[in-house]
Amino acid sequence: MFFLVDAMLGNIAKKLQLLGFDAEYCSDMEDLKLIEKSKNEQRAIISKDRELIARARKQNITSVHITKENEIE
């Protein structure tokens, strides 16, 4: 599985990469461009942004909504 990780979650992107996952960190990409990139590259979106996750799900894009502040939670 391939991932797009939004600007709020740089640590998670690094950890996924260390574990061998293809995780691209998008630090300065607008939501609509991130969704488009996700569709084109068939990547799941990982984000804390509730609106971004809702938009992705409406377009049948696999997404993971991170709701906790601490990574361990």
PDB file of N, CA and C in Angstrom:
ATOM      1  N   MET A   1       0.841  -1.182   0.000  1.00  0.00           N
ATOM      2  CA  MET A   1       0.000   0.000   0.000  1.00  0.00           C
ATOM      3  C   MET A   1       0.883   1.241   0.000  1.00  0.00           C
ATOM      4  N   PHE A   2       0.431   2.252  -0.723  1.00  0.00           N
ATOM      5  CA  PHE A   2       1.155   3.522  -0.836  1.00  0.00           C
ATOM      6  C   PHE A   2       0.384   4.590  -0.082  1.00  0.00           C
ATOM      7  N   PHE A   3       1.119   5.534   0.523  1.00  0.00           N
ATOM      8  CA  PHE A   3       0.489   6.544   1.360  1.00  0.00           C
ATOM      9  C   PHE A   3       0.899   7.956   0.965  1.00  0.00           C
ATOM     10  N   LEU A   4      -0.017   8.906   1.192  1.00  0.00           N
ATOM     11  CA  LEU A   4       0.274  10.336   1.176  1.00  0.00           C
ATOM     12  C   LEU A   4       0.000  10.823   2.589  1.00  0.00           C
ATOM     13  N   VAL A   5       0.975  11.457   3.193  1.00  0.00           N
ATOM     14  CA  VAL A   5       0.854  11.925   4.572  1.00  0.00           C
ATOM     15  C   VAL A   5       0.869  13.447   4.536  1.00  0.00           C
ATOM     16  N   ASP A   6      -0.149  14.071   5.132  1.00  0.00           N
ATOM     17  CA  ASP A   6      -0.231  15.533   5.053  1.00  0.00           C
ATOM     18  C   ASP A   6       0.721  16.205   6.046  1.00  0.00           C
ATOM     19  N   ALA A   7       0.757  17.526   5.968  1.00  0.00           N
ATOM     20  CA  ALA A   7       1.756  18.337   6.667  1.00  0.00           C
ATOM     21  C   ALA A   7       1.779  18.175   8.182  1.00  0.00           C
ATOM     22  N   MET A   8       0.690  17.768   8.776  1.00  0.00           N
ATOM     23  CA  MET A   8       0.619  17.668  10.232  1.00  0.00           C
ATOM     24  C   MET A   8       1.326  16.434  10.791  1.00  0.00           C
ATOM     25  N   LEU A   9       1.716  15.504   9.927  1.00  0.00           N
ATOM     26  CA  LEU A   9       2.145  14.190  10.406  1.00  0.00           C
ATOM     27  C   LEU A   9       3.493  13.738   9.836  1.00  0.00           C
ATOM     28  N   GLY A  10       4.451  14.627   9.829  1.00  0.00           N
ATOM     29  CA  GLY A  10       5.776  14.304   9.300  1.00  0.00           C
ATOM     30  C   GLY A  10       6.434  13.124   9.991  1.00  0.00           C
ATOM     31  N   ASN A  11       6.266  13.019  11.317  1.00  0.00           N
ATOM     32  CA  ASN A  11       6.868  11.903  12.056  1.00  0.00           C
ATOM     33  C   ASN A  11       6.299  10.562  11.610  1.00  0.00           C
ATOM     34  N   ILE A  12       5.016  10.527  11.355  1.00  0.00           N
ATOM     35  CA  ILE A  12       4.394   9.279  10.919  1.00  0.00           C
ATOM     36  C   ILE A  12       4.927   8.897   9.537  1.00  0.00           C
ATOM     37  N   ALA A  13       5.102   9.864   8.655  1.00  0.00           N
ATOM     38  CA  ALA A  13       5.657   9.582   7.327  1.00  0.00           C
ATOM     39  C   ALA A  13       7.051   8.968   7.456  1.00  0.00           C
ATOM     40  N   LYS A  14       7.877   9.550   8.300  1.00  0.00           N
ATOM     41  CA  LYS A  14       9.247   9.032   8.492  1.00  0.00           C
ATOM     42  C   LYS A  14       9.233   7.609   9.030  1.00  0.00           C
ATOM     43  N   LYS A  15       8.366   7.358   9.982  1.00  0.00           N
ATOM     44  CA  LYS A  15       8.295   6.019  10.571  1.00  0.00           C
ATOM     45  C   LYS A  15       7.798   4.988   9.564  1.00  0.00           C
ATOM     46  N   LEU A  16       6.813   5.356   8.770  1.00  0.00           N
ATOM     47  CA  LEU A  16       6.334   4.446   7.727  1.00  0.00           C
ATOM     48  C   LEU A  16       7.449   4.132   6.730  1.00  0.00           C
ATOM     49  N   GLN A  17       8.226   5.143   6.361  1.00  0.00           N
ATOM     50  CA  GLN A  17       9.336   4.943   5.439  1.00  0.00           C
ATOM     51  C   GLN A  17      10.395   4.017   6.045  1.00  0.00           C
ATOM     52  N   LEU A  18      10.686   4.214   7.322  1.00  0.00           N
ATOM     53  CA  LEU A  18      11.651   3.344   7.997  1.00  0.00           C
ATOM     54  C   LEU A  18      11.183   1.891   8.042  1.00  0.00           C
ATOM     55  N   LEU A  19       9.876   1.701   8.080  1.00  0.00           N
ATOM     56  CA  LEU A  19       9.311   0.354   8.093  1.00  0.00           C
ATOM     57  C   LEU A  19       9.169  -0.235   6.685  1.00  0.00           C
ATOM     58  N   GLY A  20       9.599   0.516   5.679  1.00  0.00           N
ATOM     59  CA  GLY A  20       9.600   0.008   4.317  1.00  0.00           C
ATOM     60  C   GLY A  20       8.384   0.357   3.483  1.00  0.00           C
ATOM     61  N   PHE A  21       7.487   1.201   4.006  1.00  0.00           N
ATOM     62  CA  PHE A  21       6.301   1.603   3.246  1.00  0.00           C
ATOM     63  C   PHE A  21       6.633   2.779   2.331  1.00  0.00           C
ATOM     64  N   ASP A  22       5.938   2.863   1.236  1.00  0.00           N
ATOM     65  CA  ASP A  22       6.059   3.990   0.320  1.00  0.00           C
ATOM     66  C   ASP A  22       5.135   5.085   0.844  1.00  0.00           C
ATOM     67  N   ALA A  23       5.694   6.003   1.619  1.00  0.00           N
ATOM     68  CA  ALA A  23       4.922   7.081   2.244  1.00  0.00           C
ATOM     69  C   ALA A  23       5.512   8.415   1.824  1.00  0.00           C
ATOM     70  N   GLU A  24       4.742   9.182   1.087  1.00  0.00           N
ATOM     71  CA  GLU A  24       5.190  10.492   0.632  1.00  0.00           C
ATOM     72  C   GLU A  24       4.635  11.571   1.548  1.00  0.00           C
ATOM     73  N   TYR A  25       5.528  12.414   2.052  1.00  0.00           N
ATOM     74  CA  TYR A  25       5.148  13.501   2.953  1.00  0.00           C
ATOM     75  C   TYR A  25       4.848  14.746   2.125  1.00  0.00           C
ATOM     76  N   CYS A  26       3.669  15.300   2.277  1.00  0.00           N
ATOM     77  CA  CYS A  26       3.228  16.484   1.524  1.00  0.00           C
ATOM     78  C   CYS A  26       3.096  17.660   2.474  1.00  0.00           C
ATOM     79  N   SER A  27       4.147  18.436   2.597  1.00  0.00           N
ATOM     80  CA  SER A  27       4.168  19.496   3.597  1.00  0.00           C
ATOM     81  C   SER A  27       3.517  20.795   3.138  1.00  0.00           C
ATOM     82  N   ASP A  28       3.388  21.001   1.841  1.00  0.00           N
ATOM     83  CA  ASP A  28       2.866  22.298   1.390  1.00  0.00           C
ATOM     84  C   ASP A  28       1.852  22.156   0.253  1.00  0.00           C
ATOM     85  N   MET A  29       1.101  21.078   0.275  1.00  0.00           N
ATOM     86  CA  MET A  29       0.145  20.824  -0.797  1.00  0.00           C
ATOM     87  C   MET A  29      -1.278  21.126  -0.322  1.00  0.00           C
ATOM     88  N   GLU A  30      -2.047  21.832  -1.150  1.00  0.00           N
ATOM     89  CA  GLU A  30      -3.440  22.122  -0.826  1.00  0.00           C
ATOM     90  C   GLU A  30      -4.253  20.834  -0.869  1.00  0.00           C
ATOM     91  N   ASP A  31      -5.365  20.832  -0.135  1.00  0.00           N
ATOM     92  CA  ASP A  31      -6.192  19.629  -0.017  1.00  0.00           C
ATOM     93  C   ASP A  31      -6.631  19.066  -1.368  1.00  0.00           C
ATOM     94  N   LEU A  32      -7.108  19.911  -2.253  1.00  0.00           N
ATOM     95  CA  LEU A  32      -7.609  19.428  -3.544  1.00  0.00           C
ATOM     96  C   LEU A  32      -6.497  18.798  -4.377  1.00  0.00           C
ATOM     97  N   LYS A  33      -5.314  19.369  -4.327  1.00  0.00           N
ATOM     98  CA  LYS A  33      -4.176  18.796  -5.057  1.00  0.00           C
ATOM     99  C   LYS A  33      -3.755  17.472  -4.430  1.00  0.00           C
ATOM    100  N   LEU A  34      -3.809  17.401  -3.113  1.00  0.00           N
ATOM    101  CA  LEU A  34      -3.460  16.168  -2.420  1.00  0.00           C
ATOM    102  C   LEU A  34      -4.437  15.052  -2.804  1.00  0.00           C
ATOM    103  N   ILE A  35      -5.715  15.376  -2.874  1.00  0.00           N
ATOM    104  CA  ILE A  35      -6.728  14.396  -3.281  1.00  0.00           C
ATOM    105  C   ILE A  35      -6.485  13.953  -4.718  1.00  0.00           C
ATOM    106  N   GLU A  36      -6.193  14.895  -5.592  1.00  0.00           N
ATOM    107  CA  GLU A  36      -5.924  14.564  -6.993  1.00  0.00           C
ATOM    108  C   GLU A  36      -4.699  13.653  -7.121  1.00  0.00           C
ATOM    109  N   LYS A  37      -3.648  13.988  -6.384  1.00  0.00           N
ATOM    110  CA  LYS A  37      -2.425  13.178  -6.399  1.00  0.00           C
ATOM    111  C   LYS A  37      -2.710  11.773  -5.871  1.00  0.00           C
ATOM    112  N   SER A  38      -3.499  11.697  -4.827  1.00  0.00           N
ATOM    113  CA  SER A  38      -3.862  10.410  -4.255  1.00  0.00           C
ATOM    114  C   SER A  38      -4.589   9.542  -5.278  1.00  0.00           C
ATOM    115  N   LYS A  39      -5.523  10.138  -5.997  1.00  0.00           N
ATOM    116  CA  LYS A  39      -6.261   9.408  -7.040  1.00  0.00           C
ATOM    117  C   LYS A  39      -5.327   8.933  -8.148  1.00  0.00           C
ATOM    118  N   ASN A  40      -4.498   9.843  -8.639  1.00  0.00           N
ATOM    119  CA  ASN A  40      -3.608   9.534  -9.759  1.00  0.00           C
ATOM    120  C   ASN A  40      -2.578   8.466  -9.414  1.00  0.00           C
ATOM    121  N   GLU A  41      -2.097   8.465  -8.175  1.00  0.00           N
ATOM    122  CA  GLU A  41      -1.038   7.534  -7.770  1.00  0.00           C
ATOM    123  C   GLU A  41      -1.566   6.375  -6.932  1.00  0.00           C
ATOM    124  N   GLN A  42      -2.874   6.317  -6.755  1.00  0.00           N
ATOM    125  CA  GLN A  42      -3.531   5.272  -5.967  1.00  0.00           C
ATOM    126  C   GLN A  42      -2.887   5.141  -4.574  1.00  0.00           C
ATOM    127  N   ARG A  43      -2.856   6.272  -3.866  1.00  0.00           N
ATOM    128  CA  ARG A  43      -2.287   6.325  -2.522  1.00  0.00           C
ATOM    129  C   ARG A  43      -3.385   6.598  -1.505  1.00  0.00           C
ATOM    130  N   ALA A  44      -3.269   6.004  -0.346  1.00  0.00           N
ATOM    131  CA  ALA A  44      -4.171   6.296   0.768  1.00  0.00           C
ATOM    132  C   ALA A  44      -3.689   7.574   1.441  1.00  0.00           C
ATOM    133  N   ILE A  45      -4.619   8.371   1.920  1.00  0.00           N
ATOM    134  CA  ILE A  45      -4.287   9.627   2.601  1.00  0.00           C
ATOM    135  C   ILE A  45      -4.305   9.393   4.106  1.00  0.00           C
ATOM    136  N   ILE A  46      -3.271   9.883   4.776  1.00  0.00           N
ATOM    137  CA  ILE A  46      -3.208   9.869   6.237  1.00  0.00           C
ATOM    138  C   ILE A  46      -3.195  11.316   6.690  1.00  0.00           C
ATOM    139  N   SER A  47      -4.148  11.684   7.553  1.00  0.00           N
ATOM    140  CA  SER A  47      -4.270  13.086   7.946  1.00  0.00           C
ATOM    141  C   SER A  47      -5.005  13.239   9.269  1.00  0.00           C
ATOM    142  N   LYS A  48      -4.790  14.388   9.914  1.00  0.00           N
ATOM    143  CA  LYS A  48      -5.569  14.790  11.083  1.00  0.00           C
ATOM    144  C   LYS A  48      -6.674  15.765  10.677  1.00  0.00           C
ATOM    145  N   ASP A  49      -6.649  16.190   9.438  1.00  0.00           N
ATOM    146  CA  ASP A  49      -7.585  17.186   8.914  1.00  0.00           C
ATOM    147  C   ASP A  49      -8.928  16.523   8.593  1.00  0.00           C
ATOM    148  N   ARG A  50      -9.911  16.781   9.417  1.00  0.00           N
ATOM    149  CA  ARG A  50     -11.235  16.165   9.282  1.00  0.00           C
ATOM    150  C   ARG A  50     -11.873  16.479   7.926  1.00  0.00           C
ATOM    151  N   GLU A  51     -11.746  17.717   7.465  1.00  0.00           N
ATOM    152  CA  GLU A  51     -12.337  18.103   6.180  1.00  0.00           C
ATOM    153  C   GLU A  51     -11.684  17.374   5.011  1.00  0.00           C
ATOM    154  N   LEU A  52     -10.368  17.249   5.051  1.00  0.00           N
ATOM    155  CA  LEU A  52      -9.654  16.535   4.004  1.00  0.00           C
ATOM    156  C   LEU A  52     -10.100  15.075   3.952  1.00  0.00           C
ATOM    157  N   ILE A  53     -10.200  14.442   5.104  1.00  0.00           N
ATOM    158  CA  ILE A  53     -10.624  13.045   5.167  1.00  0.00           C
ATOM    159  C   ILE A  53     -12.047  12.896   4.625  1.00  0.00           C
ATOM    160  N   ALA A  54     -12.932  13.820   4.975  1.00  0.00           N
ATOM    161  CA  ALA A  54     -14.314  13.766   4.482  1.00  0.00           C
ATOM    162  C   ALA A  54     -14.355  13.904   2.963  1.00  0.00           C
ATOM    163  N   ARG A  55     -13.573  14.830   2.407  1.00  0.00           N
ATOM    164  CA  ARG A  55     -13.519  15.003   0.952  1.00  0.00           C
ATOM    165  C   ARG A  55     -12.991  13.748   0.267  1.00  0.00           C
ATOM    166  N   ALA A  56     -11.946  13.176   0.841  1.00  0.00           N
ATOM    167  CA  ALA A  56     -11.348  11.961   0.265  1.00  0.00           C
ATOM    168  C   ALA A  56     -12.355  10.816   0.264  1.00  0.00           C
ATOM    169  N   ARG A  57     -13.033  10.641   1.357  1.00  0.00           N
ATOM    170  CA  ARG A  57     -14.005   9.539   1.460  1.00  0.00           C
ATOM    171  C   ARG A  57     -15.165   9.703   0.488  1.00  0.00           C
ATOM    172  N   LYS A  58     -15.579  10.946   0.240  1.00  0.00           N
ATOM    173  CA  LYS A  58     -16.650  11.195  -0.730  1.00  0.00           C
ATOM    174  C   LYS A  58     -16.239  10.759  -2.137  1.00  0.00           C
ATOM    175  N   GLN A  59     -14.933  10.768  -2.386  1.00  0.00           N
ATOM    176  CA  GLN A  59     -14.420  10.373  -3.699  1.00  0.00           C
ATOM    177  C   GLN A  59     -13.868   8.945  -3.682  1.00  0.00           C
ATOM    178  N   ASN A  60     -14.246   8.188  -2.660  1.00  0.00           N
ATOM    179  CA  ASN A  60     -13.844   6.782  -2.514  1.00  0.00           C
ATOM    180  C   ASN A  60     -12.332   6.584  -2.460  1.00  0.00           C
ATOM    181  N   ILE A  61     -11.640   7.527  -1.837  1.00  0.00           N
ATOM    182  CA  ILE A  61     -10.203   7.411  -1.634  1.00  0.00           C
ATOM    183  C   ILE A  61      -9.977   6.822  -0.253  1.00  0.00           C
ATOM    184  N   THR A  62      -9.164   5.793  -0.177  1.00  0.00           N
ATOM    185  CA  THR A  62      -8.837   5.196   1.108  1.00  0.00           C
ATOM    186  C   THR A  62      -8.135   6.253   1.959  1.00  0.00           C
ATOM    187  N   SER A  63      -8.560   6.382   3.213  1.00  0.00           N
ATOM    188  CA  SER A  63      -7.964   7.402   4.076  1.00  0.00           C
ATOM    189  C   SER A  63      -7.948   6.925   5.523  1.00  0.00           C
ATOM    190  N   VAL A  64      -7.001   7.477   6.262  1.00  0.00           N
ATOM    191  CA  VAL A  64      -6.857   7.179   7.685  1.00  0.00           C
ATOM    192  C   VAL A  64      -6.916   8.505   8.421  1.00  0.00           C
ATOM    193  N   HIS A  65      -7.902   8.634   9.299  1.00  0.00           N
ATOM    194  CA  HIS A  65      -8.055   9.867  10.083  1.00  0.00           C
ATOM    195  C   HIS A  65      -7.402   9.657  11.434  1.00  0.00           C
ATOM    196  N   ILE A  66      -6.340  10.394  11.696  1.00  0.00           N
ATOM    197  CA  ILE A  66      -5.640  10.341  12.975  1.00  0.00           C
ATOM    198  C   ILE A  66      -6.344  11.316  13.920  1.00  0.00           C
ATOM    199  N   THR A  67      -6.829  10.805  15.038  1.00  0.00           N
ATOM    200  CA  THR A  67      -7.590  11.653  15.955  1.00  0.00           C
ATOM    201  C   THR A  67      -6.870  11.941  17.262  1.00  0.00           C
ATOM    202  N   LYS A  68      -5.809  11.251  17.536  1.00  0.00           N
ATOM    203  CA  LYS A  68      -5.084  11.427  18.803  1.00  0.00           C
ATOM    204  C   LYS A  68      -3.915  12.376  18.610  1.00  0.00           C
ATOM    205  N   GLU A  69      -3.516  13.037  19.668  1.00  0.00           N
ATOM    206  CA  GLU A  69      -2.380  13.959  19.623  1.00  0.00           C
ATOM    207  C   GLU A  69      -1.054  13.208  19.694  1.00  0.00           C
ATOM    208  N   ASN A  70      -1.014  12.174  20.501  1.00  0.00           N
ATOM    209  CA  ASN A  70       0.199  11.419  20.731  1.00  0.00           C
ATOM    210  C   ASN A  70       0.227  10.214  19.785  1.00  0.00           C
ATOM    211  N   GLU A  71       1.359   9.947  19.155  1.00  0.00           N
ATOM    212  CA  GLU A  71       1.466   8.844  18.216  1.00  0.00           C
ATOM    213  C   GLU A  71       1.168   7.497  18.866  1.00  0.00           C
ATOM    214  N   ILE A  72       1.513   7.334  20.103  1.00  0.00           N
ATOM    215  CA  ILE A  72       1.319   6.063  20.789  1.00  0.00           C
ATOM    216  C   ILE A  72      -0.161   5.791  21.020  1.00  0.00           C
ATOM    217  N   GLU A  73      -0.930   6.853  21.251  1.00  0.00           N
ATOM    218  CA  GLU A  73      -2.378   6.685  21.449  1.00  0.00           C
ATOM    219  C   GLU A  73      -2.999   6.129  20.196  1.00  0.00           C
TER     220      GLU A  73
END
